[in-house]
Structures are given as structure tokens and as C-alpha cells.
Amino acid sequence: MTAAAPVLETASWGRRALALIVDWVASSFVVILFMGWSDYARTGSPGSLYVLLVFVVESALLTATVGGSFGKVATRLRVVRVDGGGDPHGNVDLLRSLGRAVAVALVIPPLVFRPDRRGLHDILAGSATVTLQAARPPHL
């Protein structure tokens, strides 16, 4: 018999949306920095696709290494494994982080969610988005 995963208080939709906006703006700035504003803003420019790719890579790498994307870290959120996953910090591994980031980029998975506010992208990755306070173990 396996132990049930602990119940985590997931982060509010408002903070998650703010984190996504911060990520998207930061990804846009990175692309504009490399492309230049005139090329980015040009009709038919691949700039939007590049922003999406930067977002997916940034989100996946930072989630796997520091527990959340740039926007999540800035808004004091963290993505954790719901089962702990063997990592003492509860970090989501790189493959799951990449799958989660791609699912978020597809837009629909985050809109399909359970009552505990875990979207399809979190369910597929075995993760949950929580506040930094909820991610910290209680002090003994």
C-alpha cells in the first residue's frame, strides 16, 4: 500500500496569471533584444514564434533547476512534485518540466483543471503550483 500524496494548497489564479504575464513580457524582451524592435514588429515576422520558444525553454529550464519560471520566482510561486519524486527539494525533473511548459504553451491544458486548481499541465507533470510559503517544510 502506498502513502497518499500530501494535500497542497495551490496558488491563486491571480498570482499564476501575473507570473505568466511576467514570463511573457520577459520572453518578449529577450527576443526583441536579439532581433531588434523593427524586425520583431514587422508584419509576418517570426518574432511571436520566437517568444513562444523562449518561454518554453525558459520555463522548462528554470522550473527544473530553481523550482519555477522567471515569472513564478518573481511572484513567489513554486512548482513542486506532488509525490516528492525523490528530489529532496521537490523539484520537477527536466523532462516533466519541458512537457509541462509545452502544455502551457498549448493554452488549453491550463484551462482544464480540477477542484484543487491543478490544471491538466500540472496533472500530466505530476506537479502543483504553490506559494513559496506552502512549498517550505514546516520548521521543527
Protein backbone atom coordinates (compact mmCIF):
# COMPACT_ATOMS: atom_id res chain seq x y z
CA MET A 1 0.00 0.00 0.00
CA THR A 2 1.42 3.41 -0.95
CA ALA A 3 1.13 6.56 1.08
CA ALA A 4 -1.19 9.20 -0.29
CA ALA A 5 0.39 12.38 -1.61
CA PRO A 6 0.10 15.30 0.79
CA VAL A 7 -2.64 17.81 0.06
CA LEU A 8 -1.06 21.01 -1.17
CA GLU A 9 -2.69 24.42 -1.07
CA THR A 10 -2.27 25.56 -4.65
CA ALA A 11 -1.62 29.16 -5.64
CA SER A 12 -4.42 31.52 -6.66
CA TRP A 13 -5.31 32.08 -10.30
CA GLY A 14 -4.42 35.76 -9.96
CA ARG A 15 -0.82 35.08 -8.95
CA ARG A 16 -0.46 32.45 -11.64
CA ALA A 17 -1.76 34.85 -14.29
CA LEU A 18 0.62 37.56 -13.06
CA ALA A 19 3.52 35.09 -13.25
CA LEU A 20 2.55 34.17 -16.82
CA ILE A 21 2.40 37.84 -17.82
CA VAL A 22 5.84 38.45 -16.29
CA ASP A 23 7.20 35.42 -18.17
CA TRP A 24 5.69 36.53 -21.45
CA VAL A 25 6.98 40.10 -21.15
CA ALA A 26 10.46 38.85 -20.19
CA SER A 27 10.47 36.39 -23.11
CA SER A 28 9.38 39.20 -25.46
CA PHE A 29 12.20 41.44 -24.22
CA VAL A 30 14.75 38.68 -24.82
CA VAL A 31 13.54 38.21 -28.39
CA ILE A 32 13.45 41.97 -29.05
CA LEU A 33 16.99 42.24 -27.66
CA PHE A 34 18.25 39.72 -30.21
CA MET A 35 16.03 40.64 -33.18
CA GLY A 36 15.70 44.35 -32.71
CA TRP A 37 12.36 46.15 -32.45
CA SER A 38 11.99 46.84 -36.19
CA ASP A 39 12.39 43.16 -37.14
CA TYR A 40 10.20 41.99 -34.25
CA ALA A 41 7.36 44.41 -35.10
CA ARG A 42 7.47 43.80 -38.85
CA THR A 43 4.36 42.18 -40.33
CA GLY A 44 4.98 38.47 -40.88
CA SER A 45 7.94 38.42 -38.51
CA PRO A 46 8.67 35.13 -36.74
CA GLY A 47 9.08 37.13 -33.51
CA SER A 48 5.94 35.70 -31.89
CA LEU A 49 7.11 32.15 -32.54
CA TYR A 50 10.50 33.01 -31.04
CA VAL A 51 8.79 34.43 -27.94
CA LEU A 52 6.88 31.16 -27.55
CA LEU A 53 10.08 29.12 -27.92
CA VAL A 54 11.97 31.31 -25.42
CA PHE A 55 9.05 30.98 -22.99
CA VAL A 56 9.02 27.16 -23.25
CA VAL A 57 12.79 26.83 -22.85
CA GLU A 58 12.99 29.38 -20.00
CA SER A 59 10.06 27.87 -18.18
CA ALA A 60 11.31 24.29 -18.50
CA LEU A 61 14.92 25.01 -17.51
CA LEU A 62 14.13 27.27 -14.58
CA THR A 63 11.34 25.03 -13.28
CA ALA A 64 13.71 22.06 -13.25
CA THR A 65 16.59 23.97 -11.65
CA VAL A 66 15.10 26.58 -9.31
CA GLY A 67 11.52 25.41 -8.94
CA GLY A 68 9.75 27.89 -11.19
CA SER A 69 9.96 30.09 -14.24
CA PHE A 70 11.23 33.67 -14.01
CA GLY A 71 7.64 34.90 -13.53
CA LYS A 72 6.88 32.33 -10.85
CA VAL A 73 10.06 33.17 -8.94
CA ALA A 74 9.27 36.90 -9.23
CA THR A 75 5.75 36.36 -7.86
CA ARG A 76 6.99 33.99 -5.13
CA LEU A 77 5.41 30.84 -6.58
CA ARG A 78 6.98 27.42 -6.94
CA VAL A 79 6.24 24.31 -8.98
CA VAL A 80 6.65 21.14 -6.89
CA ARG A 81 6.17 17.43 -7.46
CA VAL A 82 3.03 16.28 -5.71
CA ASP A 83 4.70 12.99 -4.75
CA GLY A 84 8.08 14.46 -3.82
CA GLY A 85 9.67 12.47 -6.64
CA GLY A 86 12.85 11.56 -4.78
CA ASP A 87 14.25 15.11 -5.03
CA PRO A 88 14.77 16.47 -1.51
CA HIS A 89 13.57 19.88 -2.70
CA GLY A 90 10.53 18.53 -4.57
CA ASN A 91 11.74 19.95 -7.90
CA VAL A 92 10.18 18.71 -11.11
CA ASP A 93 12.74 16.98 -13.36
CA LEU A 94 13.69 18.47 -16.73
CA LEU A 95 11.60 16.12 -18.89
CA ARG A 96 8.44 16.75 -16.84
CA SER A 97 9.22 20.48 -16.80
CA LEU A 98 9.53 20.51 -20.58
CA GLY A 99 6.26 18.61 -21.01
CA ARG A 100 4.56 20.99 -18.58
CA ALA A 101 5.90 24.07 -20.41
CA VAL A 102 4.77 22.75 -23.80
CA ALA A 103 1.32 22.01 -22.37
CA VAL A 104 1.08 25.58 -21.02
CA ALA A 105 2.11 26.89 -24.44
CA LEU A 106 -0.79 24.94 -25.98
CA VAL A 107 -3.13 27.14 -23.85
CA ILE A 108 -5.97 24.63 -23.38
CA PRO A 109 -4.36 22.36 -20.71
CA PRO A 110 -4.18 25.14 -18.09
CA LEU A 111 -7.85 25.89 -18.71
CA VAL A 112 -8.87 22.29 -17.90
CA PHE A 113 -8.45 21.90 -14.17
CA ARG A 114 -9.53 20.00 -11.08
CA PRO A 115 -11.18 21.48 -7.98
CA ASP A 116 -7.73 21.70 -6.32
CA ARG A 117 -6.73 24.21 -9.09
CA ARG A 118 -4.25 21.81 -10.69
CA GLY A 119 -4.53 22.21 -14.44
CA LEU A 120 -4.09 19.42 -16.96
CA HIS A 121 -0.48 20.56 -17.46
CA ASP A 122 0.19 20.04 -13.72
CA ILE A 123 -1.65 16.72 -13.65
CA LEU A 124 0.37 15.42 -16.62
CA ALA A 125 3.64 16.51 -14.98
CA GLY A 126 2.67 15.28 -11.51
CA SER A 127 3.18 18.80 -10.20
CA ALA A 128 1.37 21.60 -8.42
CA THR A 129 1.92 25.36 -8.38
CA VAL A 130 2.07 26.58 -4.80
CA THR A 131 3.13 29.70 -2.95
CA LEU A 132 6.68 29.84 -1.68
CA GLN A 133 5.35 29.57 1.89
CA ALA A 134 3.41 26.37 1.09
CA ALA A 135 6.49 24.85 -0.57
CA ARG A 136 8.68 25.28 2.51
CA PRO A 137 8.61 22.46 5.04
CA PRO A 138 7.36 23.47 8.47
CA HIS A 139 10.08 24.40 10.97
CA LEU A 140 10.58 21.92 13.76
